[in-house]
Amino acid sequence: MPWLVRDGEVLASLEIADDRRSRRRGLLGRAGIDGAIWLTPARSVHTVGMRFDLDIAYLDRELEVVDVACMRRHRIGMPRLAARSVIEAQSGAFERWGLSIGDRVEVRR
C-alpha cells in the first residue's frame, strides 16, 4: 500500500487515482476515508454528491503544497493553475497531520 510521507514521517495511507475513471470516481459514494487519495493529474476538484467535507491540498510538479482548502459538501472548487495533482482527505486530517502550504510530500510504495 502506498503512503503519504513528509520529511520522512508517514502521514497516512494513500490511494492513487491516476487514470480518468478512478479520478472521476474519487471518493464519491463513500461514507468517509481513512488516509487520503491522490488525484493525478488534477488542478481542481468538486464535492458534488459527497457524503462528507474534505481537506484539499494542491501540489505542484515537485509535490510541494501550493494551496490548501477545506471544502464543504456539494461545492465546485476553482482550479489552481500551479497545481498538477491534488490530495483529498476527510475534513480535519490536515490539521492532525500539520500539513500546510510549502510542505513537500512524497508517495512511497
PDB file of N, CA and C in Angstrom:
ATOM      1  N   MET A   1       0.846  -1.184   0.000  1.00  0.00           N
ATOM      2  CA  MET A   1       0.000   0.000   0.000  1.00  0.00           C
ATOM      3  C   MET A   1       0.887   1.241   0.000  1.00  0.00           C
ATOM      4  N   PRO A   2       0.574   2.223  -0.825  1.00  0.00           N
ATOM      5  CA  PRO A   2       1.330   3.483  -0.833  1.00  0.00           C
ATOM      6  C   PRO A   2       1.074   4.304   0.433  1.00  0.00           C
ATOM      7  N   TRP A   3       2.034   5.168   0.741  1.00  0.00           N
ATOM      8  CA  TRP A   3       1.965   6.031   1.912  1.00  0.00           C
ATOM      9  C   TRP A   3       2.246   7.466   1.517  1.00  0.00           C
ATOM     10  N   LEU A   4       1.587   8.403   2.177  1.00  0.00           N
ATOM     11  CA  LEU A   4       1.860   9.827   2.031  1.00  0.00           C
ATOM     12  C   LEU A   4       2.867  10.189   3.117  1.00  0.00           C
ATOM     13  N   VAL A   5       4.020  10.742   2.698  1.00  0.00           N
ATOM     14  CA  VAL A   5       5.133  10.987   3.611  1.00  0.00           C
ATOM     15  C   VAL A   5       5.585  12.443   3.491  1.00  0.00           C
ATOM     16  N   ARG A   6       5.939  13.043   4.637  1.00  0.00           N
ATOM     17  CA  ARG A   6       6.526  14.381   4.662  1.00  0.00           C
ATOM     18  C   ARG A   6       7.736  14.331   5.585  1.00  0.00           C
ATOM     19  N   ASP A   7       8.897  14.729   5.062  1.00  0.00           N
ATOM     20  CA  ASP A   7      10.132  14.750   5.860  1.00  0.00           C
ATOM     21  C   ASP A   7      10.378  13.433   6.588  1.00  0.00           C
ATOM     22  N   GLY A   8      10.133  12.320   5.913  1.00  0.00           N
ATOM     23  CA  GLY A   8      10.371  11.007   6.494  1.00  0.00           C
ATOM     24  C   GLY A   8       9.280  10.510   7.418  1.00  0.00           C
ATOM     25  N   GLU A   9       8.282  11.330   7.704  1.00  0.00           N
ATOM     26  CA  GLU A   9       7.182  10.956   8.582  1.00  0.00           C
ATOM     27  C   GLU A   9       5.977  10.502   7.756  1.00  0.00           C
ATOM     28  N   VAL A  10       5.474   9.313   8.050  1.00  0.00           N
ATOM     29  CA  VAL A  10       4.283   8.810   7.369  1.00  0.00           C
ATOM     30  C   VAL A  10       3.079   9.559   7.911  1.00  0.00           C
ATOM     31  N   LEU A  11       2.355  10.233   6.988  1.00  0.00           N
ATOM     32  CA  LEU A  11       1.154  10.969   7.380  1.00  0.00           C
ATOM     33  C   LEU A  11      -0.088  10.092   7.302  1.00  0.00           C
ATOM     34  N   ALA A  12      -0.168   9.277   6.242  1.00  0.00           N
ATOM     35  CA  ALA A  12      -1.392   8.498   6.036  1.00  0.00           C
ATOM     36  C   ALA A  12      -1.185   7.441   4.959  1.00  0.00           C
ATOM     37  N   SER A  13      -2.050   6.434   4.977  1.00  0.00           N
ATOM     38  CA  SER A  13      -2.122   5.521   3.843  1.00  0.00           C
ATOM     39  C   SER A  13      -2.696   6.306   2.673  1.00  0.00           C
ATOM     40  N   LEU A  14      -2.369   5.867   1.468  1.00  0.00           N
ATOM     41  CA  LEU A  14      -2.719   6.667   0.292  1.00  0.00           C
ATOM     42  C   LEU A  14      -3.269   5.791  -0.820  1.00  0.00           C
ATOM     43  N   GLU A  15      -4.422   6.176  -1.328  1.00  0.00           N
ATOM     44  CA  GLU A  15      -4.957   5.578  -2.544  1.00  0.00           C
ATOM     45  C   GLU A  15      -4.496   6.457  -3.705  1.00  0.00           C
ATOM     46  N   ILE A  16      -4.271   5.859  -4.856  1.00  0.00           N
ATOM     47  CA  ILE A  16      -3.821   6.619  -6.014  1.00  0.00           C
ATOM     48  C   ILE A  16      -4.866   6.516  -7.110  1.00  0.00           C
ATOM     49  N   ALA A  17      -5.327   7.674  -7.579  1.00  0.00           N
ATOM     50  CA  ALA A  17      -6.274   7.755  -8.694  1.00  0.00           C
ATOM     51  C   ALA A  17      -5.530   8.425  -9.845  1.00  0.00           C
ATOM     52  N   ASP A  18      -4.967   7.605 -10.737  1.00  0.00           N
ATOM     53  CA  ASP A  18      -4.121   8.152 -11.790  1.00  0.00           C
ATOM     54  C   ASP A  18      -4.618   7.838 -13.200  1.00  0.00           C
ATOM     55  N   ASP A  19      -5.870   7.417 -13.301  1.00  0.00           N
ATOM     56  CA  ASP A  19      -6.480   7.291 -14.619  1.00  0.00           C
ATOM     57  C   ASP A  19      -7.831   8.004 -14.592  1.00  0.00           C
ATOM     58  N   ARG A  20      -8.360   8.257 -15.757  1.00  0.00           N
ATOM     59  CA  ARG A  20      -9.591   9.060 -15.858  1.00  0.00           C
ATOM     60  C   ARG A  20     -10.728   8.494 -15.019  1.00  0.00           C
ATOM     61  N   ARG A  21     -10.927   7.202 -15.089  1.00  0.00           N
ATOM     62  CA  ARG A  21     -12.045   6.579 -14.362  1.00  0.00           C
ATOM     63  C   ARG A  21     -11.884   6.717 -12.842  1.00  0.00           C
ATOM     64  N   SER A  22     -10.705   6.413 -12.329  1.00  0.00           N
ATOM     65  CA  SER A  22     -10.511   6.486 -10.878  1.00  0.00           C
ATOM     66  C   SER A  22     -10.530   7.929 -10.378  1.00  0.00           C
ATOM     67  N   ARG A  23     -10.038   8.886 -11.182  1.00  0.00           N
ATOM     68  CA  ARG A  23     -10.116  10.293 -10.779  1.00  0.00           C
ATOM     69  C   ARG A  23     -11.561  10.768 -10.763  1.00  0.00           C
ATOM     70  N   ARG A  24     -12.331  10.370 -11.755  1.00  0.00           N
ATOM     71  CA  ARG A  24     -13.739  10.784 -11.825  1.00  0.00           C
ATOM     72  C   ARG A  24     -14.517  10.229 -10.633  1.00  0.00           C
ATOM     73  N   ARG A  25     -14.242   9.014 -10.258  1.00  0.00           N
ATOM     74  CA  ARG A  25     -14.949   8.396  -9.130  1.00  0.00           C
ATOM     75  C   ARG A  25     -14.476   8.972  -7.802  1.00  0.00           C
ATOM     76  N   GLY A  26     -13.168   9.129  -7.641  1.00  0.00           N
ATOM     77  CA  GLY A  26     -12.625   9.714  -6.422  1.00  0.00           C
ATOM     78  C   GLY A  26     -13.213   9.099  -5.172  1.00  0.00           C
ATOM     79  N   LEU A  27     -13.801   9.927  -4.324  1.00  0.00           N
ATOM     80  CA  LEU A  27     -14.384   9.477  -3.059  1.00  0.00           C
ATOM     81  C   LEU A  27     -15.908   9.418  -3.097  1.00  0.00           C
ATOM     82  N   LEU A  28     -16.494   9.549  -4.276  1.00  0.00           N
ATOM     83  CA  LEU A  28     -17.953   9.515  -4.392  1.00  0.00           C
ATOM     84  C   LEU A  28     -18.511   8.189  -3.890  1.00  0.00           C
ATOM     85  N   GLY A  29     -19.619   8.278  -3.160  1.00  0.00           N
ATOM     86  CA  GLY A  29     -20.305   7.099  -2.671  1.00  0.00           C
ATOM     87  C   GLY A  29     -19.777   6.549  -1.361  1.00  0.00           C
ATOM     88  N   ARG A  30     -18.698   7.123  -0.861  1.00  0.00           N
ATOM     89  CA  ARG A  30     -18.120   6.640   0.394  1.00  0.00           C
ATOM     90  C   ARG A  30     -18.653   7.440   1.577  1.00  0.00           C
ATOM     91  N   ALA A  31     -18.655   6.797   2.731  1.00  0.00           N
ATOM     92  CA  ALA A  31     -19.090   7.475   3.961  1.00  0.00           C
ATOM     93  C   ALA A  31     -17.931   8.187   4.648  1.00  0.00           C
ATOM     94  N   GLY A  32     -16.706   7.921   4.207  1.00  0.00           N
ATOM     95  CA  GLY A  32     -15.512   8.534   4.786  1.00  0.00           C
ATOM     96  C   GLY A  32     -14.280   7.891   4.193  1.00  0.00           C
ATOM     97  N   ILE A  33     -13.113   8.318   4.661  1.00  0.00           N
ATOM     98  CA  ILE A  33     -11.862   7.721   4.207  1.00  0.00           C
ATOM     99  C   ILE A  33     -10.864   7.731   5.361  1.00  0.00           C
ATOM    100  N   ASP A  34     -10.214   6.601   5.538  1.00  0.00           N
ATOM    101  CA  ASP A  34      -9.059   6.527   6.439  1.00  0.00           C
ATOM    102  C   ASP A  34      -7.850   6.771   5.548  1.00  0.00           C
ATOM    103  N   GLY A  35      -7.096   7.799   5.819  1.00  0.00           N
ATOM    104  CA  GLY A  35      -5.972   8.124   4.965  1.00  0.00           C
ATOM    105  C   GLY A  35      -6.353   9.206   3.971  1.00  0.00           C
ATOM    106  N   ALA A  36      -5.862   9.045   2.736  1.00  0.00           N
ATOM    107  CA  ALA A  36      -6.075  10.076   1.719  1.00  0.00           C
ATOM    108  C   ALA A  36      -6.102   9.437   0.344  1.00  0.00           C
ATOM    109  N   ILE A  37      -6.495  10.248  -0.642  1.00  0.00           N
ATOM    110  CA  ILE A  37      -6.450   9.829  -2.037  1.00  0.00           C
ATOM    111  C   ILE A  37      -5.698  10.897  -2.817  1.00  0.00           C
ATOM    112  N   TRP A  38      -4.825  10.452  -3.725  1.00  0.00           N
ATOM    113  CA  TRP A  38      -4.031  11.345  -4.566  1.00  0.00           C
ATOM    114  C   TRP A  38      -4.584  11.281  -5.977  1.00  0.00           C
ATOM    115  N   LEU A  39      -5.077  12.411  -6.481  1.00  0.00           N
ATOM    116  CA  LEU A  39      -5.608  12.513  -7.836  1.00  0.00           C
ATOM    117  C   LEU A  39      -4.536  13.147  -8.710  1.00  0.00           C
ATOM    118  N   THR A  40      -4.080  12.406  -9.704  1.00  0.00           N
ATOM    119  CA  THR A  40      -3.029  12.915 -10.575  1.00  0.00           C
ATOM    120  C   THR A  40      -3.255  12.466 -12.004  1.00  0.00           C
ATOM    121  N   PRO A  41      -3.230  13.364 -12.967  1.00  0.00           N
ATOM    122  CA  PRO A  41      -3.125  14.818 -12.812  1.00  0.00           C
ATOM    123  C   PRO A  41      -4.461  15.424 -12.407  1.00  0.00           C
ATOM    124  N   ALA A  42      -4.413  16.568 -11.754  1.00  0.00           N
ATOM    125  CA  ALA A  42      -5.616  17.313 -11.371  1.00  0.00           C
ATOM    126  C   ALA A  42      -5.222  18.716 -10.937  1.00  0.00           C
ATOM    127  N   ARG A  43      -6.067  19.677 -11.278  1.00  0.00           N
ATOM    128  CA  ARG A  43      -5.871  21.069 -10.855  1.00  0.00           C
ATOM    129  C   ARG A  43      -7.050  21.589 -10.050  1.00  0.00           C
ATOM    130  N   SER A  44      -8.153  20.847 -10.081  1.00  0.00           N
ATOM    131  CA  SER A  44      -9.337  21.267  -9.342  1.00  0.00           C
ATOM    132  C   SER A  44     -10.132  20.033  -8.956  1.00  0.00           C
ATOM    133  N   VAL A  45     -11.034  20.220  -7.996  1.00  0.00           N
ATOM    134  CA  VAL A  45     -11.894  19.130  -7.528  1.00  0.00           C
ATOM    135  C   VAL A  45     -13.279  19.683  -7.222  1.00  0.00           C
ATOM    136  N   HIS A  46     -14.204  18.779  -7.004  1.00  0.00           N
ATOM    137  CA  HIS A  46     -15.543  19.177  -6.566  1.00  0.00           C
ATOM    138  C   HIS A  46     -15.976  18.222  -5.473  1.00  0.00           C
ATOM    139  N   THR A  47     -16.985  18.620  -4.726  1.00  0.00           N
ATOM    140  CA  THR A  47     -17.538  17.762  -3.677  1.00  0.00           C
ATOM    141  C   THR A  47     -19.027  17.518  -3.916  1.00  0.00           C
ATOM    142  N   VAL A  48     -19.464  17.704  -5.152  1.00  0.00           N
ATOM    143  CA  VAL A  48     -20.859  17.453  -5.506  1.00  0.00           C
ATOM    144  C   VAL A  48     -21.149  15.966  -5.318  1.00  0.00           C
ATOM    145  N   GLY A  49     -22.159  15.661  -4.526  1.00  0.00           N
ATOM    146  CA  GLY A  49     -22.538  14.284  -4.265  1.00  0.00           C
ATOM    147  C   GLY A  49     -21.755  13.614  -3.149  1.00  0.00           C
ATOM    148  N   MET A  50     -20.847  14.344  -2.529  1.00  0.00           N
ATOM    149  CA  MET A  50     -20.049  13.772  -1.445  1.00  0.00           C
ATOM    150  C   MET A  50     -20.888  13.651  -0.169  1.00  0.00           C
ATOM    151  N   ARG A  51     -20.507  12.703   0.674  1.00  0.00           N
ATOM    152  CA  ARG A  51     -21.200  12.493   1.945  1.00  0.00           C
ATOM    153  C   ARG A  51     -20.486  13.159   3.118  1.00  0.00           C
ATOM    154  N   PHE A  52     -19.312  13.745   2.861  1.00  0.00           N
ATOM    155  CA  PHE A  52     -18.536  14.367   3.937  1.00  0.00           C
ATOM    156  C   PHE A  52     -17.683  15.495   3.369  1.00  0.00           C
ATOM    157  N   ASP A  53     -17.264  16.411   4.236  1.00  0.00           N
ATOM    158  CA  ASP A  53     -16.418  17.535   3.844  1.00  0.00           C
ATOM    159  C   ASP A  53     -14.982  17.050   3.659  1.00  0.00           C
ATOM    160  N   LEU A  54     -14.225  17.797   2.843  1.00  0.00           N
ATOM    161  CA  LEU A  54     -12.861  17.391   2.505  1.00  0.00           C
ATOM    162  C   LEU A  54     -11.827  18.454   2.834  1.00  0.00           C
ATOM    163  N   ASP A  55     -10.629  18.005   3.157  1.00  0.00           N
ATOM    164  CA  ASP A  55      -9.424  18.829   3.123  1.00  0.00           C
ATOM    165  C   ASP A  55      -8.769  18.564   1.772  1.00  0.00           C
ATOM    166  N   ILE A  56      -8.344  19.632   1.109  1.00  0.00           N
ATOM    167  CA  ILE A  56      -7.742  19.520  -0.212  1.00  0.00           C
ATOM    168  C   ILE A  56      -6.361  20.169  -0.186  1.00  0.00           C
ATOM    169  N   ALA A  57      -5.354  19.458  -0.691  1.00  0.00           N
ATOM    170  CA  ALA A  57      -4.015  20.031  -0.869  1.00  0.00           C
ATOM    171  C   ALA A  57      -3.696  19.991  -2.361  1.00  0.00           C
ATOM    172  N   TYR A  58      -3.361  21.151  -2.907  1.00  0.00           N
ATOM    173  CA  TYR A  58      -2.982  21.272  -4.306  1.00  0.00           C
ATOM    174  C   TYR A  58      -1.464  21.207  -4.383  1.00  0.00           C
ATOM    175  N   LEU A  59      -0.937  20.306  -5.223  1.00  0.00           N
ATOM    176  CA  LEU A  59       0.502  20.057  -5.299  1.00  0.00           C
ATOM    177  C   LEU A  59       1.057  20.454  -6.659  1.00  0.00           C
ATOM    178  N   ASP A  60       2.285  20.993  -6.669  1.00  0.00           N
ATOM    179  CA  ASP A  60       2.939  21.309  -7.939  1.00  0.00           C
ATOM    180  C   ASP A  60       3.692  20.072  -8.450  1.00  0.00           C
ATOM    181  N   ARG A  61       4.499  20.251  -9.490  1.00  0.00           N
ATOM    182  CA  ARG A  61       5.229  19.123 -10.094  1.00  0.00           C
ATOM    183  C   ARG A  61       6.165  18.415  -9.116  1.00  0.00           C
ATOM    184  N   GLU A  62       6.714  19.160  -8.172  1.00  0.00           N
ATOM    185  CA  GLU A  62       7.651  18.592  -7.201  1.00  0.00           C
ATOM    186  C   GLU A  62       6.946  18.089  -5.936  1.00  0.00           C
ATOM    187  N   LEU A  63       5.619  18.056  -5.971  1.00  0.00           N
ATOM    188  CA  LEU A  63       4.779  17.625  -4.846  1.00  0.00           C
ATOM    189  C   LEU A  63       4.892  18.563  -3.648  1.00  0.00           C
ATOM    190  N   GLU A  64       5.113  19.840  -3.938  1.00  0.00           N
ATOM    191  CA  GLU A  64       5.056  20.860  -2.895  1.00  0.00           C
ATOM    192  C   GLU A  64       3.633  21.383  -2.809  1.00  0.00           C
ATOM    193  N   VAL A  65       3.146  21.560  -1.606  1.00  0.00           N
ATOM    194  CA  VAL A  65       1.784  22.056  -1.388  1.00  0.00           C
ATOM    195  C   VAL A  65       1.758  23.543  -1.742  1.00  0.00           C
ATOM    196  N   VAL A  66       0.990  23.888  -2.800  1.00  0.00           N
ATOM    197  CA  VAL A  66       0.887  25.288  -3.227  1.00  0.00           C
ATOM    198  C   VAL A  66      -0.362  25.961  -2.688  1.00  0.00           C
ATOM    199  N   ASP A  67      -1.341  25.182  -2.246  1.00  0.00           N
ATOM    200  CA  ASP A  67      -2.549  25.739  -1.641  1.00  0.00           C
ATOM    201  C   ASP A  67      -3.278  24.625  -0.900  1.00  0.00           C
ATOM    202  N   VAL A  68      -4.043  25.008   0.102  1.00  0.00           N
ATOM    203  CA  VAL A  68      -4.906  24.071   0.812  1.00  0.00           C
ATOM    204  C   VAL A  68      -6.290  24.693   0.927  1.00  0.00           C
ATOM    205  N   ALA A  69      -7.276  23.848   1.016  1.00  0.00           N
ATOM    206  CA  ALA A  69      -8.653  24.326   1.161  1.00  0.00           C
ATOM    207  C   ALA A  69      -9.450  23.297   1.949  1.00  0.00           C
ATOM    208  N   CYS A  70     -10.434  23.780   2.657  1.00  0.00           N
ATOM    209  CA  CYS A  70     -11.444  22.924   3.290  1.00  0.00           C
ATOM    210  C   CYS A  70     -12.697  23.109   2.450  1.00  0.00           C
ATOM    211  N   MET A  71     -13.173  22.036   1.868  1.00  0.00           N
ATOM    212  CA  MET A  71     -14.353  22.128   1.007  1.00  0.00           C
ATOM    213  C   MET A  71     -15.524  21.416   1.648  1.00  0.00           C
ATOM    214  N   ARG A  72     -16.601  22.164   1.802  1.00  0.00           N
ATOM    215  CA  ARG A  72     -17.853  21.572   2.273  1.00  0.00           C
ATOM    216  C   ARG A  72     -18.442  20.737   1.150  1.00  0.00           C
ATOM    217  N   ARG A  73     -19.372  19.891   1.517  1.00  0.00           N
ATOM    218  CA  ARG A  73     -20.043  19.042   0.530  1.00  0.00           C
ATOM    219  C   ARG A  73     -20.798  19.900  -0.491  1.00  0.00           C
ATOM    220  N   HIS A  74     -20.924  19.356  -1.695  1.00  0.00           N
ATOM    221  CA  HIS A  74     -21.734  19.936  -2.774  1.00  0.00           C
ATOM    222  C   HIS A  74     -21.174  21.265  -3.287  1.00  0.00           C
ATOM    223  N   ARG A  75     -19.859  21.386  -3.355  1.00  0.00           N
ATOM    224  CA  ARG A  75     -19.207  22.596  -3.861  1.00  0.00           C
ATOM    225  C   ARG A  75     -18.346  22.252  -5.072  1.00  0.00           C
ATOM    226  N   ILE A  76     -18.050  23.276  -5.864  1.00  0.00           N
ATOM    227  CA  ILE A  76     -17.135  23.143  -7.002  1.00  0.00           C
ATOM    228  C   ILE A  76     -15.955  24.060  -6.735  1.00  0.00           C
ATOM    229  N   GLY A  77     -14.757  23.497  -6.730  1.00  0.00           N
ATOM    230  CA  GLY A  77     -13.557  24.270  -6.436  1.00  0.00           C
ATOM    231  C   GLY A  77     -12.998  24.958  -7.669  1.00  0.00           C
ATOM    232  N   MET A  78     -12.325  26.054  -7.441  1.00  0.00           N
ATOM    233  CA  MET A  78     -11.645  26.778  -8.515  1.00  0.00           C
ATOM    234  C   MET A  78     -10.314  26.087  -8.811  1.00  0.00           C
ATOM    235  N   PRO A  79      -9.931  26.011 -10.082  1.00  0.00           N
ATOM    236  CA  PRO A  79      -8.640  25.401 -10.411  1.00  0.00           C
ATOM    237  C   PRO A  79      -7.481  26.238  -9.876  1.00  0.00           C
ATOM    238  N   ARG A  80      -6.420  25.558  -9.519  1.00  0.00           N
ATOM    239  CA  ARG A  80      -5.168  26.202  -9.128  1.00  0.00           C
ATOM    240  C   ARG A  80      -4.189  25.943 -10.262  1.00  0.00           C
ATOM    241  N   LEU A  81      -3.828  26.982 -10.997  1.00  0.00           N
ATOM    242  CA  LEU A  81      -3.022  26.816 -12.197  1.00  0.00           C
ATOM    243  C   LEU A  81      -1.646  26.221 -11.913  1.00  0.00           C
ATOM    244  N   ALA A  82      -1.098  26.470 -10.734  1.00  0.00           N
ATOM    245  CA  ALA A  82       0.212  25.919 -10.387  1.00  0.00           C
ATOM    246  C   ALA A  82       0.136  24.439 -10.001  1.00  0.00           C
ATOM    247  N   ALA A  83      -1.058  23.940  -9.751  1.00  0.00           N
ATOM    248  CA  ALA A  83      -1.227  22.559  -9.292  1.00  0.00           C
ATOM    249  C   ALA A  83      -1.116  21.571 -10.441  1.00  0.00           C
ATOM    250  N   ARG A  84      -0.561  20.410 -10.124  1.00  0.00           N
ATOM    251  CA  ARG A  84      -0.505  19.309 -11.074  1.00  0.00           C
ATOM    252  C   ARG A  84      -1.200  18.072 -10.530  1.00  0.00           C
ATOM    253  N   SER A  85      -1.425  18.065  -9.214  1.00  0.00           N
ATOM    254  CA  SER A  85      -2.141  16.955  -8.584  1.00  0.00           C
ATOM    255  C   SER A  85      -2.774  17.453  -7.291  1.00  0.00           C
ATOM    256  N   VAL A  86      -3.640  16.613  -6.727  1.00  0.00           N
ATOM    257  CA  VAL A  86      -4.418  17.000  -5.557  1.00  0.00           C
ATOM    258  C   VAL A  86      -4.461  15.843  -4.567  1.00  0.00           C
ATOM    259  N   ILE A  87      -4.326  16.169  -3.292  1.00  0.00           N
ATOM    260  CA  ILE A  87      -4.546  15.204  -2.216  1.00  0.00           C
ATOM    261  C   ILE A  87      -5.877  15.552  -1.558  1.00  0.00           C
ATOM    262  N   GLU A  88      -6.741  14.548  -1.404  1.00  0.00           N
ATOM    263  CA  GLU A  88      -8.010  14.722  -0.694  1.00  0.00           C
ATOM    264  C   GLU A  88      -8.007  13.845   0.545  1.00  0.00           C
ATOM    265  N   ALA A  89      -8.503  14.408   1.638  1.00  0.00           N
ATOM    266  CA  ALA A  89      -8.643  13.666   2.891  1.00  0.00           C
ATOM    267  C   ALA A  89      -9.899  14.167   3.590  1.00  0.00           C
ATOM    268  N   GLN A  90     -10.370  13.389   4.536  1.00  0.00           N
ATOM    269  CA  GLN A  90     -11.553  13.804   5.287  1.00  0.00           C
ATOM    270  C   GLN A  90     -11.226  15.069   6.083  1.00  0.00           C
ATOM    271  N   SER A  91     -12.198  15.967   6.161  1.00  0.00           N
ATOM    272  CA  SER A  91     -12.016  17.241   6.851  1.00  0.00           C
ATOM    273  C   SER A  91     -11.428  17.036   8.242  1.00  0.00           C
ATOM    274  N   GLY A  92     -10.414  17.825   8.570  1.00  0.00           N
ATOM    275  CA  GLY A  92      -9.740  17.737   9.859  1.00  0.00           C
ATOM    276  C   GLY A  92      -8.429  16.982   9.800  1.00  0.00           C
ATOM    277  N   ALA A  93      -8.206  16.214   8.732  1.00  0.00           N
ATOM    278  CA  ALA A  93      -6.986  15.406   8.624  1.00  0.00           C
ATOM    279  C   ALA A  93      -5.740  16.281   8.536  1.00  0.00           C
ATOM    280  N   PHE A  94      -5.777  17.348   7.731  1.00  0.00           N
ATOM    281  CA  PHE A  94      -4.578  18.164   7.547  1.00  0.00           C
ATOM    282  C   PHE A  94      -4.168  18.837   8.851  1.00  0.00           C
ATOM    283  N   GLU A  95      -5.133  19.226   9.652  1.00  0.00           N
ATOM    284  CA  GLU A  95      -4.812  19.821  10.949  1.00  0.00           C
ATOM    285  C   GLU A  95      -4.112  18.789  11.836  1.00  0.00           C
ATOM    286  N   ARG A  96      -4.612  17.557  11.843  1.00  0.00           N
ATOM    287  CA  ARG A  96      -3.977  16.493  12.633  1.00  0.00           C
ATOM    288  C   ARG A  96      -2.565  16.200  12.137  1.00  0.00           C
ATOM    289  N   TRP A  97      -2.376  16.226  10.819  1.00  0.00           N
ATOM    290  CA  TRP A  97      -1.078  15.917  10.227  1.00  0.00           C
ATOM    291  C   TRP A  97      -0.128  17.112  10.243  1.00  0.00           C
ATOM    292  N   GLY A  98      -0.667  18.319  10.437  1.00  0.00           N
ATOM    293  CA  GLY A  98       0.147  19.524  10.366  1.00  0.00           C
ATOM    294  C   GLY A  98       0.554  19.857   8.937  1.00  0.00           C
ATOM    295  N   LEU A  99      -0.244  19.461   7.953  1.00  0.00           N
ATOM    296  CA  LEU A  99       0.066  19.708   6.541  1.00  0.00           C
ATOM    297  C   LEU A  99      -0.330  21.125   6.163  1.00  0.00           C
ATOM    298  N   SER A 100       0.586  21.859   5.523  1.00  0.00           N
ATOM    299  CA  SER A 100       0.299  23.249   5.164  1.00  0.00           C
ATOM    300  C   SER A 100       1.062  23.660   3.909  1.00  0.00           C
ATOM    301  N   ILE A 101       0.747  24.837   3.407  1.00  0.00           N
ATOM    302  CA  ILE A 101       1.393  25.381   2.213  1.00  0.00           C
ATOM    303  C   ILE A 101       2.901  25.415   2.436  1.00  0.00           C
ATOM    304  N   GLY A 102       3.630  25.000   1.411  1.00  0.00           N
ATOM    305  CA  GLY A 102       5.089  24.977   1.471  1.00  0.00           C
ATOM    306  C   GLY A 102       5.664  23.612   1.832  1.00  0.00           C
ATOM    307  N   ASP A 103       4.834  22.737   2.396  1.00  0.00           N
ATOM    308  CA  ASP A 103       5.299  21.388   2.709  1.00  0.00           C
ATOM    309  C   ASP A 103       5.557  20.631   1.412  1.00  0.00           C
ATOM    310  N   ARG A 104       6.568  19.793   1.412  1.00  0.00           N
ATOM    311  CA  ARG A 104       6.823  18.906   0.280  1.00  0.00           C
ATOM    312  C   ARG A 104       6.543  17.482   0.740  1.00  0.00           C
ATOM    313  N   VAL A 105       5.704  16.795  -0.022  1.00  0.00           N
ATOM    314  CA  VAL A 105       5.337  15.422   0.324  1.00  0.00           C
ATOM    315  C   VAL A 105       5.925  14.462  -0.693  1.00  0.00           C
ATOM    316  N   GLU A 106       5.881  13.201  -0.365  1.00  0.00           N
ATOM    317  CA  GLU A 106       6.284  12.171  -1.310  1.00  0.00           C
ATOM    318  C   GLU A 106       5.337  10.999  -1.174  1.00  0.00           C
ATOM    319  N   VAL A 107       5.308  10.197  -2.201  1.00  0.00           N
ATOM    320  CA  VAL A 107       4.495   8.989  -2.223  1.00  0.00           C
ATOM    321  C   VAL A 107       5.447   7.812  -2.183  1.00  0.00           C
ATOM    322  N   ARG A 108       5.345   7.016  -1.144  1.00  0.00           N
ATOM    323  CA  ARG A 108       6.187   5.816  -1.019  1.00  0.00           C
ATOM    324  C   ARG A 108       5.330   4.596  -1.246  1.00  0.00           C
ATOM    325  N   ARG A 109       5.841   3.712  -2.066  1.00  0.00           N
ATOM    326  CA  ARG A 109       5.121   2.479  -2.389  1.00  0.00           C
ATOM    327  C   ARG A 109       5.759   1.294  -1.706  1.00  0.00           C
TER     328      ARG A 109
END
